[in-house]
């Protein structure tokens, strides 16, 4: 067996407009990325987190394009809900945000202050017992989550932006503020630690027994 490690945080502080300042596009097209995190047209967020679009618009969709910390492409579509809507995916950069039509209200875009570790894919052929330890640095509030959804499923793939993540049934690892050891009796497909708030970081360490060498 070997320990797999994934870390989230510290995150850029929550801000309503550090990706895009207030604007009201008169037609479909790209928002102007002009917040404090933007350099040469790209919002550089650093440690991955979700982004929030704030607008009174309820008629348009927003297509968010960006990358993970390793450079993989991310895209998802969210719909204005009259207040604020947050992405389901965690972005290290945002390269563009496309509105589907003329805005019916001003739009700002910024960081949410919430993000997750990279997903850890467990071995379906190994023992179902999984041990997890979360170490913390600084002030945090975090939750261990898992899913049986997968974008790579051959018969029933689920888009990454539509995957359902479930909080662990170990209440010690839900809204935790200190180090925690927990486990899964039956291994899910993916595990992550979600940093709900705070200025610190969480490092999740996972051990799965009898991992198959292949």
N, C-alpha and C. Protein backbone atom coordinates (compact mmCIF):
# COMPACT_ATOMS: atom_id res chain seq x y z
N UNK A 1 0.84 -1.19 0.00
CA UNK A 1 0.00 0.00 0.00
C UNK A 1 0.88 1.24 0.00
N UNK A 2 0.33 2.35 -0.47
CA UNK A 2 1.06 3.60 -0.46
C UNK A 2 0.10 4.73 -0.12
N UNK A 3 0.64 5.81 0.41
CA UNK A 3 -0.18 6.95 0.79
C UNK A 3 -0.31 7.89 -0.41
N UNK A 4 -1.55 8.26 -0.72
CA UNK A 4 -1.83 9.26 -1.74
C UNK A 4 -2.18 10.56 -1.03
N UNK A 5 -1.56 11.66 -1.46
CA UNK A 5 -1.73 12.94 -0.79
C UNK A 5 -2.33 13.96 -1.74
N UNK A 6 -3.30 14.74 -1.23
CA UNK A 6 -3.91 15.83 -2.01
C UNK A 6 -4.14 17.00 -1.07
N UNK A 7 -3.87 18.22 -1.56
CA UNK A 7 -3.93 19.41 -0.71
C UNK A 7 -4.82 20.48 -1.33
N UNK A 8 -5.50 21.22 -0.47
CA UNK A 8 -6.26 22.39 -0.90
C UNK A 8 -5.94 23.54 0.04
N UNK A 9 -5.77 24.75 -0.53
CA UNK A 9 -5.51 25.95 0.24
C UNK A 9 -4.02 26.23 0.40
N UNK A 10 -3.71 27.41 0.94
CA UNK A 10 -4.67 28.48 1.26
C UNK A 10 -5.27 29.09 -0.01
N UNK A 11 -6.52 29.56 0.10
CA UNK A 11 -7.23 30.07 -1.06
C UNK A 11 -7.18 31.59 -1.11
N UNK A 12 -7.23 32.12 -2.33
CA UNK A 12 -7.43 33.55 -2.51
C UNK A 12 -8.73 33.95 -1.82
N UNK A 13 -8.72 35.06 -1.12
CA UNK A 13 -9.89 35.47 -0.35
C UNK A 13 -11.11 35.67 -1.23
N UNK A 14 -12.28 35.40 -0.65
CA UNK A 14 -13.53 35.61 -1.36
C UNK A 14 -13.65 37.07 -1.79
N UNK A 15 -14.08 37.26 -3.03
CA UNK A 15 -14.27 38.61 -3.57
C UNK A 15 -15.32 38.56 -4.66
N UNK A 16 -16.19 39.54 -4.73
CA UNK A 16 -17.26 39.53 -5.73
C UNK A 16 -16.77 39.93 -7.11
N UNK A 17 -15.61 40.61 -7.20
CA UNK A 17 -15.23 41.19 -8.49
C UNK A 17 -13.74 41.14 -8.82
N UNK A 18 -13.00 40.21 -8.20
CA UNK A 18 -11.56 40.17 -8.51
C UNK A 18 -11.25 39.44 -9.82
N UNK A 19 -12.29 38.93 -10.51
CA UNK A 19 -12.11 38.36 -11.85
C UNK A 19 -12.70 39.28 -12.91
N UNK A 20 -13.90 39.81 -12.67
CA UNK A 20 -14.52 40.74 -13.62
C UNK A 20 -15.26 41.82 -12.85
N UNK A 21 -14.92 43.08 -13.12
CA UNK A 21 -15.60 44.20 -12.51
C UNK A 21 -17.00 44.35 -13.12
N UNK A 22 -17.84 45.14 -12.47
CA UNK A 22 -19.22 45.30 -12.88
C UNK A 22 -19.34 45.74 -14.34
N UNK A 23 -20.19 45.03 -15.08
CA UNK A 23 -20.41 45.33 -16.50
C UNK A 23 -21.78 44.81 -16.90
N UNK A 24 -22.35 45.41 -17.94
CA UNK A 24 -23.65 45.01 -18.44
C UNK A 24 -23.56 44.81 -19.94
N UNK A 25 -23.14 43.63 -20.40
CA UNK A 25 -22.97 43.39 -21.84
C UNK A 25 -24.28 43.61 -22.60
N UNK A 26 -24.17 44.26 -23.76
CA UNK A 26 -25.35 44.52 -24.56
C UNK A 26 -25.67 43.44 -25.57
N UNK A 27 -24.83 42.40 -25.60
CA UNK A 27 -25.04 41.31 -26.56
C UNK A 27 -24.30 40.09 -26.07
N UNK A 28 -24.58 38.96 -26.69
CA UNK A 28 -23.86 37.73 -26.36
C UNK A 28 -22.37 37.92 -26.65
N UNK A 29 -21.53 37.27 -25.84
CA UNK A 29 -20.09 37.36 -26.07
C UNK A 29 -19.32 37.25 -24.78
N UNK A 30 -18.04 37.49 -24.86
CA UNK A 30 -17.15 37.32 -23.72
C UNK A 30 -17.24 38.51 -22.77
N UNK A 31 -17.33 38.21 -21.46
CA UNK A 31 -17.19 39.26 -20.47
C UNK A 31 -15.76 39.79 -20.50
N UNK A 32 -15.59 41.02 -20.08
CA UNK A 32 -14.25 41.59 -19.95
C UNK A 32 -13.67 41.16 -18.62
N UNK A 33 -12.58 40.41 -18.64
CA UNK A 33 -11.91 39.99 -17.42
C UNK A 33 -10.95 41.10 -17.02
N UNK A 34 -11.31 41.87 -16.00
CA UNK A 34 -10.54 43.06 -15.64
C UNK A 34 -10.41 43.25 -14.13
N UNK A 35 -10.61 42.18 -13.37
CA UNK A 35 -10.46 42.25 -11.92
C UNK A 35 -9.00 42.24 -11.50
N UNK A 36 -8.78 42.29 -10.20
CA UNK A 36 -7.41 42.40 -9.67
C UNK A 36 -6.57 41.16 -9.90
N UNK A 37 -7.20 40.00 -10.17
CA UNK A 37 -6.44 38.77 -10.41
C UNK A 37 -6.05 38.59 -11.88
N UNK A 38 -6.50 39.49 -12.75
CA UNK A 38 -6.34 39.29 -14.19
C UNK A 38 -5.01 39.86 -14.67
N UNK A 39 -4.31 39.05 -15.45
CA UNK A 39 -3.07 39.46 -16.11
C UNK A 39 -3.12 39.01 -17.55
N UNK A 40 -2.97 39.94 -18.48
CA UNK A 40 -3.01 39.65 -19.91
C UNK A 40 -4.26 38.86 -20.31
N UNK A 41 -5.39 39.25 -19.75
CA UNK A 41 -6.66 38.67 -20.13
C UNK A 41 -7.02 37.37 -19.46
N UNK A 42 -6.18 36.88 -18.54
CA UNK A 42 -6.44 35.61 -17.84
C UNK A 42 -6.45 35.87 -16.34
N UNK A 43 -7.48 35.38 -15.66
CA UNK A 43 -7.54 35.47 -14.21
C UNK A 43 -6.72 34.34 -13.61
N UNK A 44 -5.67 34.69 -12.90
CA UNK A 44 -4.77 33.70 -12.29
C UNK A 44 -5.15 33.58 -10.82
N UNK A 45 -5.84 32.49 -10.50
CA UNK A 45 -6.39 32.32 -9.15
C UNK A 45 -5.40 31.65 -8.22
N UNK A 46 -4.47 30.86 -8.77
CA UNK A 46 -3.51 30.16 -7.93
C UNK A 46 -4.09 28.85 -7.44
N UNK A 47 -4.11 28.64 -6.12
CA UNK A 47 -4.70 27.42 -5.58
C UNK A 47 -6.16 27.35 -6.00
N UNK A 48 -6.53 26.21 -6.57
CA UNK A 48 -7.82 26.08 -7.23
C UNK A 48 -9.00 26.34 -6.29
N UNK A 49 -10.01 27.04 -6.82
CA UNK A 49 -11.25 27.23 -6.08
C UNK A 49 -12.38 27.53 -7.05
N UNK A 50 -13.60 27.57 -6.52
CA UNK A 50 -14.77 27.87 -7.34
C UNK A 50 -14.94 29.37 -7.51
N UNK A 51 -15.63 29.75 -8.57
CA UNK A 51 -15.86 31.16 -8.83
C UNK A 51 -17.35 31.46 -8.76
N UNK A 52 -17.67 32.70 -8.44
CA UNK A 52 -19.06 33.11 -8.27
C UNK A 52 -19.39 34.24 -9.24
N UNK A 53 -20.52 34.09 -9.94
CA UNK A 53 -21.04 35.12 -10.83
C UNK A 53 -22.23 35.77 -10.12
N UNK A 54 -22.15 37.07 -9.91
CA UNK A 54 -23.20 37.81 -9.22
C UNK A 54 -23.93 38.71 -10.21
N UNK A 55 -25.23 38.54 -10.32
CA UNK A 55 -26.03 39.32 -11.26
C UNK A 55 -27.52 39.16 -10.94
N UNK A 56 -28.29 40.17 -11.30
CA UNK A 56 -29.75 40.05 -11.19
C UNK A 56 -30.34 39.34 -12.41
N UNK A 57 -29.50 39.04 -13.39
CA UNK A 57 -29.92 38.38 -14.64
C UNK A 57 -30.41 36.97 -14.34
N UNK A 58 -31.57 36.61 -14.90
CA UNK A 58 -32.09 35.25 -14.77
C UNK A 58 -32.36 34.62 -16.13
N UNK A 59 -32.00 35.30 -17.20
CA UNK A 59 -32.36 34.83 -18.54
C UNK A 59 -31.19 34.23 -19.31
N UNK A 60 -29.97 34.51 -18.89
CA UNK A 60 -28.81 34.10 -19.66
C UNK A 60 -27.99 33.01 -18.97
N UNK A 61 -27.25 32.27 -19.79
CA UNK A 61 -26.26 31.32 -19.28
C UNK A 61 -24.88 31.93 -19.41
N UNK A 62 -23.97 31.41 -18.61
CA UNK A 62 -22.58 31.85 -18.62
C UNK A 62 -21.70 30.62 -18.78
N UNK A 63 -20.91 30.59 -19.83
CA UNK A 63 -19.99 29.47 -20.07
C UNK A 63 -18.63 29.86 -19.53
N UNK A 64 -18.17 29.13 -18.51
CA UNK A 64 -16.89 29.42 -17.86
C UNK A 64 -15.83 28.50 -18.45
N UNK A 65 -14.74 29.07 -18.89
CA UNK A 65 -13.61 28.31 -19.41
C UNK A 65 -12.36 28.62 -18.59
N UNK A 66 -11.59 27.58 -18.29
CA UNK A 66 -10.38 27.79 -17.52
C UNK A 66 -9.54 26.53 -17.46
N UNK A 67 -8.66 26.47 -16.45
CA UNK A 67 -7.77 25.32 -16.33
C UNK A 67 -7.63 24.90 -14.88
N UNK A 68 -7.19 23.64 -14.71
CA UNK A 68 -6.80 23.11 -13.41
C UNK A 68 -5.37 23.53 -13.11
N UNK A 69 -4.86 23.24 -11.90
CA UNK A 69 -3.46 23.58 -11.60
C UNK A 69 -2.45 22.88 -12.53
N UNK A 70 -2.83 21.74 -13.12
CA UNK A 70 -1.92 21.03 -14.01
C UNK A 70 -2.10 21.43 -15.47
N UNK A 71 -3.02 22.36 -15.74
CA UNK A 71 -3.21 22.85 -17.10
C UNK A 71 -4.31 22.17 -17.87
N UNK A 72 -5.01 21.21 -17.28
CA UNK A 72 -6.13 20.57 -17.98
C UNK A 72 -7.26 21.57 -18.16
N UNK A 73 -7.96 21.46 -19.29
CA UNK A 73 -9.02 22.39 -19.61
C UNK A 73 -10.28 22.08 -18.80
N UNK A 74 -10.96 23.14 -18.33
CA UNK A 74 -12.23 23.03 -17.64
C UNK A 74 -13.26 23.90 -18.36
N UNK A 75 -14.48 23.44 -18.43
CA UNK A 75 -15.58 24.26 -18.93
C UNK A 75 -16.87 23.83 -18.28
N UNK A 76 -17.74 24.77 -18.00
CA UNK A 76 -19.06 24.46 -17.49
C UNK A 76 -19.99 25.62 -17.79
N UNK A 77 -21.27 25.32 -17.76
CA UNK A 77 -22.29 26.33 -18.05
C UNK A 77 -23.16 26.51 -16.81
N UNK A 78 -23.30 27.76 -16.36
CA UNK A 78 -24.17 28.08 -15.24
C UNK A 78 -25.21 29.10 -15.71
N UNK A 79 -26.33 29.16 -15.02
CA UNK A 79 -27.42 30.07 -15.38
C UNK A 79 -27.61 31.11 -14.29
N UNK A 80 -27.72 32.37 -14.67
CA UNK A 80 -27.99 33.42 -13.71
C UNK A 80 -29.27 33.14 -12.95
N UNK A 81 -29.22 33.33 -11.64
CA UNK A 81 -30.41 33.01 -10.81
C UNK A 81 -30.97 34.22 -10.09
N UNK A 82 -30.53 35.41 -10.47
CA UNK A 82 -31.06 36.62 -9.87
C UNK A 82 -30.25 37.15 -8.72
N UNK A 83 -29.35 36.33 -8.16
CA UNK A 83 -28.48 36.79 -7.08
C UNK A 83 -27.03 36.42 -7.40
N UNK A 84 -26.62 35.23 -7.01
CA UNK A 84 -25.26 34.78 -7.33
C UNK A 84 -25.26 33.27 -7.55
N UNK A 85 -24.46 32.81 -8.46
CA UNK A 85 -24.34 31.40 -8.77
C UNK A 85 -22.87 31.03 -8.78
N UNK A 86 -22.54 29.87 -8.20
CA UNK A 86 -21.16 29.46 -8.04
C UNK A 86 -20.87 28.23 -8.88
N UNK A 87 -19.70 28.18 -9.48
CA UNK A 87 -19.30 27.03 -10.29
C UNK A 87 -19.22 25.79 -9.43
N UNK A 88 -19.33 24.63 -10.07
CA UNK A 88 -19.16 23.36 -9.36
C UNK A 88 -17.73 22.86 -9.45
N UNK A 89 -16.95 23.42 -10.37
CA UNK A 89 -15.57 23.00 -10.57
C UNK A 89 -14.61 24.03 -9.99
N UNK A 90 -13.40 23.58 -9.71
CA UNK A 90 -12.38 24.41 -9.09
C UNK A 90 -11.37 24.86 -10.15
N UNK A 91 -11.15 26.16 -10.24
CA UNK A 91 -10.32 26.75 -11.29
C UNK A 91 -9.04 27.33 -10.72
N UNK A 92 -7.92 27.03 -11.39
CA UNK A 92 -6.66 27.70 -11.10
C UNK A 92 -6.52 28.95 -11.97
N UNK A 93 -7.09 28.90 -13.18
CA UNK A 93 -7.19 30.08 -14.03
C UNK A 93 -8.57 30.12 -14.66
N UNK A 94 -9.01 31.31 -14.99
CA UNK A 94 -10.22 31.50 -15.81
C UNK A 94 -9.77 32.25 -17.06
N UNK A 95 -10.01 31.63 -18.22
CA UNK A 95 -9.55 32.20 -19.48
C UNK A 95 -10.64 32.98 -20.20
N UNK A 96 -11.90 32.62 -19.98
CA UNK A 96 -13.00 33.37 -20.59
C UNK A 96 -14.31 33.01 -19.92
N UNK A 97 -15.26 33.93 -19.98
CA UNK A 97 -16.63 33.69 -19.54
C UNK A 97 -17.54 34.28 -20.61
N UNK A 98 -18.38 33.43 -21.19
CA UNK A 98 -19.22 33.84 -22.31
C UNK A 98 -20.67 33.92 -21.85
N UNK A 99 -21.29 35.09 -22.03
CA UNK A 99 -22.71 35.25 -21.74
C UNK A 99 -23.51 34.95 -23.00
N UNK A 100 -24.68 34.34 -22.83
CA UNK A 100 -25.42 33.84 -23.99
C UNK A 100 -26.25 34.92 -24.70
N UNK A 101 -26.42 36.08 -24.08
CA UNK A 101 -27.21 37.15 -24.69
C UNK A 101 -26.99 38.45 -23.95
N UNK A 102 -27.73 39.49 -24.35
CA UNK A 102 -27.62 40.78 -23.69
C UNK A 102 -28.02 40.64 -22.22
N UNK A 103 -27.21 41.19 -21.33
CA UNK A 103 -27.48 41.06 -19.90
C UNK A 103 -28.67 41.92 -19.50
N UNK A 104 -29.47 41.40 -18.59
CA UNK A 104 -30.60 42.16 -18.06
C UNK A 104 -30.26 42.80 -16.73
N UNK A 105 -29.01 42.70 -16.32
CA UNK A 105 -28.53 43.32 -15.09
C UNK A 105 -27.02 43.29 -15.07
N UNK A 106 -26.43 44.12 -14.25
CA UNK A 106 -24.97 44.17 -14.16
C UNK A 106 -24.41 42.82 -13.69
N UNK A 107 -23.19 42.52 -14.13
CA UNK A 107 -22.54 41.24 -13.83
C UNK A 107 -21.17 41.50 -13.22
N UNK A 108 -20.85 40.83 -12.13
CA UNK A 108 -19.49 40.78 -11.61
C UNK A 108 -19.11 39.33 -11.40
N UNK A 109 -17.80 39.05 -11.42
CA UNK A 109 -17.31 37.68 -11.23
C UNK A 109 -16.14 37.72 -10.26
N UNK A 110 -16.13 36.79 -9.32
CA UNK A 110 -15.03 36.74 -8.37
C UNK A 110 -14.86 35.37 -7.75
N UNK A 111 -13.95 35.29 -6.81
CA UNK A 111 -13.65 34.03 -6.13
C UNK A 111 -14.64 33.78 -5.01
N UNK A 112 -14.95 32.50 -4.78
CA UNK A 112 -15.97 32.13 -3.79
C UNK A 112 -15.41 31.88 -2.41
N UNK A 113 -14.09 31.62 -2.31
CA UNK A 113 -13.51 31.24 -1.03
C UNK A 113 -13.73 29.80 -0.66
N UNK A 114 -14.22 28.99 -1.62
CA UNK A 114 -14.45 27.56 -1.41
C UNK A 114 -13.73 26.78 -2.50
N UNK A 115 -13.05 25.72 -2.13
CA UNK A 115 -12.36 24.89 -3.13
C UNK A 115 -12.08 23.51 -2.57
N UNK A 116 -11.67 22.62 -3.45
CA UNK A 116 -11.43 21.23 -3.06
C UNK A 116 -10.04 20.76 -3.49
N UNK A 117 -9.59 19.71 -2.83
CA UNK A 117 -8.37 19.04 -3.27
C UNK A 117 -8.60 18.45 -4.66
N UNK A 118 -7.55 18.16 -5.40
CA UNK A 118 -7.74 17.32 -6.59
C UNK A 118 -8.44 16.02 -6.19
N UNK A 119 -9.25 15.50 -7.09
CA UNK A 119 -9.97 14.26 -6.80
C UNK A 119 -8.99 13.09 -6.75
N UNK A 120 -9.19 12.22 -5.78
CA UNK A 120 -8.38 11.00 -5.68
C UNK A 120 -9.24 9.83 -6.16
N UNK A 121 -8.79 9.19 -7.23
CA UNK A 121 -9.52 8.04 -7.81
C UNK A 121 -9.05 6.77 -7.12
N UNK A 122 -9.96 6.09 -6.44
CA UNK A 122 -9.62 4.87 -5.74
C UNK A 122 -9.63 3.67 -6.68
N UNK A 123 -8.95 2.61 -6.26
CA UNK A 123 -8.79 1.40 -7.08
C UNK A 123 -9.98 0.47 -6.87
N UNK A 124 -10.78 0.27 -7.93
CA UNK A 124 -11.97 -0.58 -7.82
C UNK A 124 -11.62 -2.04 -7.55
N UNK A 125 -10.39 -2.44 -7.86
CA UNK A 125 -9.98 -3.84 -7.71
C UNK A 125 -9.31 -4.13 -6.37
N UNK A 126 -9.07 -3.09 -5.60
CA UNK A 126 -8.40 -3.25 -4.31
C UNK A 126 -9.42 -3.50 -3.21
N UNK A 127 -8.93 -3.70 -2.00
CA UNK A 127 -9.80 -3.86 -0.84
C UNK A 127 -10.69 -2.63 -0.71
N UNK A 128 -11.92 -2.84 -0.26
CA UNK A 128 -12.85 -1.72 -0.13
C UNK A 128 -12.57 -0.85 1.07
N UNK A 129 -11.71 -1.29 1.97
CA UNK A 129 -11.38 -0.48 3.15
C UNK A 129 -10.43 0.65 2.78
N UNK A 130 -10.78 1.87 3.17
CA UNK A 130 -9.99 3.05 2.84
C UNK A 130 -9.78 3.86 4.12
N UNK A 131 -8.53 4.18 4.41
CA UNK A 131 -8.22 5.02 5.55
C UNK A 131 -7.86 6.43 5.10
N UNK A 132 -8.33 7.43 5.82
CA UNK A 132 -8.09 8.82 5.46
C UNK A 132 -7.64 9.60 6.69
N UNK A 133 -6.60 10.40 6.50
CA UNK A 133 -6.17 11.33 7.53
C UNK A 133 -6.09 12.72 6.91
N UNK A 134 -6.67 13.71 7.58
CA UNK A 134 -6.60 15.09 7.13
C UNK A 134 -5.77 15.89 8.14
N UNK A 135 -4.71 16.51 7.66
CA UNK A 135 -3.88 17.40 8.47
C UNK A 135 -4.20 18.84 8.08
N UNK A 136 -4.18 19.75 9.04
CA UNK A 136 -4.55 21.13 8.76
C UNK A 136 -3.42 22.07 9.16
N UNK A 137 -3.38 23.17 8.44
CA UNK A 137 -2.48 24.27 8.77
C UNK A 137 -3.31 25.55 8.82
N UNK A 138 -3.21 26.28 9.90
CA UNK A 138 -3.96 27.52 10.01
C UNK A 138 -5.43 27.28 10.34
N UNK A 139 -6.25 28.29 10.03
CA UNK A 139 -7.67 28.25 10.34
C UNK A 139 -8.45 27.74 9.14
N UNK A 140 -9.20 26.64 9.35
CA UNK A 140 -9.95 26.03 8.25
C UNK A 140 -11.28 25.48 8.74
N UNK A 141 -12.19 25.29 7.81
CA UNK A 141 -13.40 24.51 8.00
C UNK A 141 -13.53 23.66 6.74
N UNK A 142 -13.56 22.33 6.88
CA UNK A 142 -13.51 21.46 5.71
C UNK A 142 -14.38 20.24 5.91
N UNK A 143 -14.68 19.57 4.78
CA UNK A 143 -15.52 18.37 4.79
C UNK A 143 -14.95 17.34 3.82
N UNK A 144 -14.88 16.09 4.25
CA UNK A 144 -14.49 14.99 3.36
C UNK A 144 -15.72 14.55 2.57
N UNK A 145 -15.57 14.43 1.24
CA UNK A 145 -16.68 14.08 0.36
C UNK A 145 -16.27 12.94 -0.57
N UNK A 146 -17.30 12.26 -1.11
CA UNK A 146 -17.01 11.17 -2.05
C UNK A 146 -18.13 11.08 -3.08
N UNK A 147 -17.89 10.31 -4.15
CA UNK A 147 -18.89 10.12 -5.19
C UNK A 147 -18.69 8.78 -5.88
N UNK A 148 -19.80 8.24 -6.39
CA UNK A 148 -19.75 7.07 -7.26
C UNK A 148 -19.91 7.47 -8.73
N UNK A 149 -20.09 8.76 -8.99
CA UNK A 149 -20.16 9.24 -10.38
C UNK A 149 -18.77 9.26 -10.98
N UNK A 150 -18.73 9.16 -12.31
CA UNK A 150 -17.43 9.20 -12.99
C UNK A 150 -17.62 9.68 -14.42
N UNK A 151 -16.80 10.62 -14.88
CA UNK A 151 -16.84 11.03 -16.28
C UNK A 151 -16.28 9.96 -17.22
N UNK A 152 -15.61 8.95 -16.64
CA UNK A 152 -14.97 7.90 -17.45
C UNK A 152 -15.77 6.61 -17.49
N UNK A 153 -16.96 6.60 -16.90
CA UNK A 153 -17.79 5.40 -16.93
C UNK A 153 -18.18 5.07 -18.37
N UNK A 154 -17.99 3.82 -18.78
CA UNK A 154 -18.22 3.45 -20.17
C UNK A 154 -19.70 3.39 -20.53
N UNK A 155 -20.57 3.14 -19.56
CA UNK A 155 -22.00 2.99 -19.85
C UNK A 155 -22.84 4.15 -19.36
N UNK A 156 -22.37 4.85 -18.32
CA UNK A 156 -23.16 5.95 -17.75
C UNK A 156 -22.26 7.08 -17.28
N UNK A 157 -21.53 7.71 -18.20
CA UNK A 157 -20.63 8.79 -17.79
C UNK A 157 -21.40 10.00 -17.29
N UNK A 158 -20.83 10.69 -16.31
CA UNK A 158 -21.43 11.91 -15.76
C UNK A 158 -20.44 13.04 -15.97
N UNK A 159 -20.90 14.12 -16.57
CA UNK A 159 -20.02 15.27 -16.80
C UNK A 159 -19.45 15.76 -15.48
N UNK A 160 -18.20 16.21 -15.50
CA UNK A 160 -17.53 16.63 -14.26
C UNK A 160 -18.31 17.72 -13.54
N UNK A 161 -18.96 18.60 -14.28
CA UNK A 161 -19.70 19.69 -13.64
C UNK A 161 -21.03 19.23 -13.06
N UNK A 162 -21.46 17.99 -13.38
CA UNK A 162 -22.74 17.48 -12.91
C UNK A 162 -22.60 16.36 -11.88
N UNK A 163 -21.37 16.03 -11.51
CA UNK A 163 -21.16 14.95 -10.55
C UNK A 163 -21.73 15.31 -9.17
N UNK A 164 -22.31 14.31 -8.50
CA UNK A 164 -22.88 14.51 -7.17
C UNK A 164 -21.87 14.09 -6.12
N UNK A 165 -21.50 15.03 -5.25
CA UNK A 165 -20.57 14.76 -4.17
C UNK A 165 -21.33 14.70 -2.85
N UNK A 166 -21.08 13.67 -2.07
CA UNK A 166 -21.81 13.42 -0.83
C UNK A 166 -20.86 13.59 0.36
N UNK A 167 -21.31 14.32 1.37
CA UNK A 167 -20.52 14.43 2.59
C UNK A 167 -20.39 13.06 3.25
N UNK A 168 -19.22 12.77 3.81
CA UNK A 168 -19.02 11.52 4.53
C UNK A 168 -20.04 11.40 5.67
N UNK A 169 -20.41 10.15 5.99
CA UNK A 169 -21.34 9.96 7.10
C UNK A 169 -20.64 9.99 8.46
N UNK A 170 -19.32 10.21 8.46
CA UNK A 170 -18.59 10.43 9.71
C UNK A 170 -18.69 11.92 10.04
N UNK A 171 -19.51 12.28 11.02
CA UNK A 171 -19.75 13.69 11.32
C UNK A 171 -18.49 14.41 11.81
N UNK A 172 -17.49 13.64 12.27
CA UNK A 172 -16.23 14.27 12.69
C UNK A 172 -15.47 14.89 11.52
N UNK A 173 -15.79 14.43 10.30
CA UNK A 173 -15.10 14.92 9.12
C UNK A 173 -15.99 15.83 8.28
N UNK A 174 -17.07 16.33 8.88
CA UNK A 174 -17.96 17.30 8.23
C UNK A 174 -17.85 18.62 8.99
N UNK A 175 -17.50 19.70 8.29
CA UNK A 175 -17.25 21.00 8.91
C UNK A 175 -16.20 20.88 10.01
N UNK A 176 -15.18 20.08 9.74
CA UNK A 176 -14.09 19.89 10.70
C UNK A 176 -13.18 21.11 10.72
N UNK A 177 -12.57 21.36 11.86
CA UNK A 177 -11.66 22.50 11.99
C UNK A 177 -10.26 22.07 12.43
N UNK A 178 -10.09 20.80 12.72
CA UNK A 178 -8.79 20.29 13.13
C UNK A 178 -8.48 18.99 12.41
N UNK A 179 -7.34 18.35 12.73
CA UNK A 179 -6.98 17.10 12.08
C UNK A 179 -7.97 15.99 12.39
N UNK A 180 -8.20 15.11 11.42
CA UNK A 180 -9.19 14.04 11.55
C UNK A 180 -8.65 12.77 10.92
N UNK A 181 -8.93 11.63 11.54
CA UNK A 181 -8.76 10.34 10.90
C UNK A 181 -10.14 9.72 10.72
N UNK A 182 -10.41 9.21 9.51
CA UNK A 182 -11.70 8.62 9.21
C UNK A 182 -11.49 7.49 8.22
N UNK A 183 -12.58 6.86 7.77
CA UNK A 183 -12.43 5.74 6.85
C UNK A 183 -13.71 5.52 6.07
N UNK A 184 -13.58 4.76 4.98
CA UNK A 184 -14.72 4.24 4.24
C UNK A 184 -14.67 2.72 4.33
N UNK A 185 -15.77 2.10 4.70
CA UNK A 185 -15.83 0.64 4.70
C UNK A 185 -15.97 0.13 3.27
N UNK A 186 -16.73 0.85 2.46
CA UNK A 186 -16.90 0.51 1.05
C UNK A 186 -16.35 1.67 0.22
N UNK A 187 -15.39 1.37 -0.61
CA UNK A 187 -14.67 2.43 -1.32
C UNK A 187 -15.54 3.09 -2.38
N UNK A 188 -15.63 4.43 -2.37
CA UNK A 188 -16.26 5.15 -3.47
C UNK A 188 -15.30 5.21 -4.66
N UNK A 189 -15.73 5.85 -5.75
CA UNK A 189 -14.83 5.99 -6.90
C UNK A 189 -13.84 7.13 -6.71
N UNK A 190 -14.34 8.25 -6.18
CA UNK A 190 -13.48 9.41 -5.98
C UNK A 190 -13.70 9.97 -4.58
N UNK A 191 -12.63 10.54 -4.04
CA UNK A 191 -12.68 11.19 -2.72
C UNK A 191 -12.00 12.55 -2.85
N UNK A 192 -12.51 13.53 -2.09
CA UNK A 192 -11.87 14.84 -2.04
C UNK A 192 -12.14 15.47 -0.68
N UNK A 193 -11.36 16.47 -0.32
CA UNK A 193 -11.63 17.29 0.86
C UNK A 193 -12.00 18.68 0.36
N UNK A 194 -13.16 19.15 0.80
CA UNK A 194 -13.63 20.48 0.40
C UNK A 194 -13.34 21.48 1.50
N UNK A 195 -12.59 22.53 1.15
CA UNK A 195 -12.30 23.60 2.09
C UNK A 195 -13.45 24.61 2.02
N UNK A 196 -14.27 24.62 3.08
CA UNK A 196 -15.47 25.46 3.08
C UNK A 196 -15.17 26.92 3.38
N UNK A 197 -14.18 27.15 4.22
CA UNK A 197 -13.80 28.51 4.59
C UNK A 197 -12.48 28.47 5.34
N UNK A 198 -11.91 29.65 5.53
CA UNK A 198 -10.67 29.75 6.29
C UNK A 198 -9.50 30.21 5.46
N UNK A 199 -8.43 30.54 6.15
CA UNK A 199 -7.22 31.06 5.50
C UNK A 199 -6.09 30.05 5.47
N UNK A 200 -6.34 28.84 5.98
CA UNK A 200 -5.30 27.82 6.03
C UNK A 200 -5.42 26.81 4.91
N UNK A 201 -4.90 25.61 5.14
CA UNK A 201 -4.91 24.56 4.13
C UNK A 201 -5.19 23.21 4.78
N UNK A 202 -5.64 22.26 3.94
CA UNK A 202 -5.92 20.89 4.37
C UNK A 202 -5.16 19.94 3.46
N UNK A 203 -4.45 19.01 4.06
CA UNK A 203 -3.77 17.96 3.31
C UNK A 203 -4.42 16.63 3.65
N UNK A 204 -5.00 15.98 2.63
CA UNK A 204 -5.69 14.71 2.82
C UNK A 204 -4.75 13.57 2.41
N UNK A 205 -4.60 12.59 3.29
CA UNK A 205 -3.76 11.42 3.04
C UNK A 205 -4.65 10.19 3.02
N UNK A 206 -4.54 9.41 1.95
CA UNK A 206 -5.43 8.26 1.75
C UNK A 206 -4.61 6.98 1.62
N UNK A 207 -5.03 5.95 2.33
CA UNK A 207 -4.43 4.62 2.20
C UNK A 207 -5.53 3.64 1.80
N UNK A 208 -5.29 2.89 0.72
CA UNK A 208 -6.21 1.84 0.30
C UNK A 208 -5.42 0.53 0.28
N UNK A 209 -5.99 -0.51 0.85
CA UNK A 209 -5.26 -1.75 1.05
C UNK A 209 -5.41 -2.69 -0.14
N UNK A 210 -4.36 -3.49 -0.39
CA UNK A 210 -4.35 -4.49 -1.45
C UNK A 210 -4.58 -3.87 -2.82
N UNK A 211 -3.93 -2.73 -3.06
CA UNK A 211 -4.04 -2.08 -4.37
C UNK A 211 -3.45 -2.99 -5.42
N UNK A 212 -4.17 -3.13 -6.52
CA UNK A 212 -3.74 -4.03 -7.59
C UNK A 212 -2.66 -3.37 -8.43
N UNK A 213 -1.60 -4.07 -8.70
CA UNK A 213 -0.55 -3.56 -9.58
C UNK A 213 -0.88 -3.95 -11.00
N UNK A 214 -1.09 -2.94 -11.85
CA UNK A 214 -1.46 -3.22 -13.23
C UNK A 214 -1.02 -2.10 -14.15
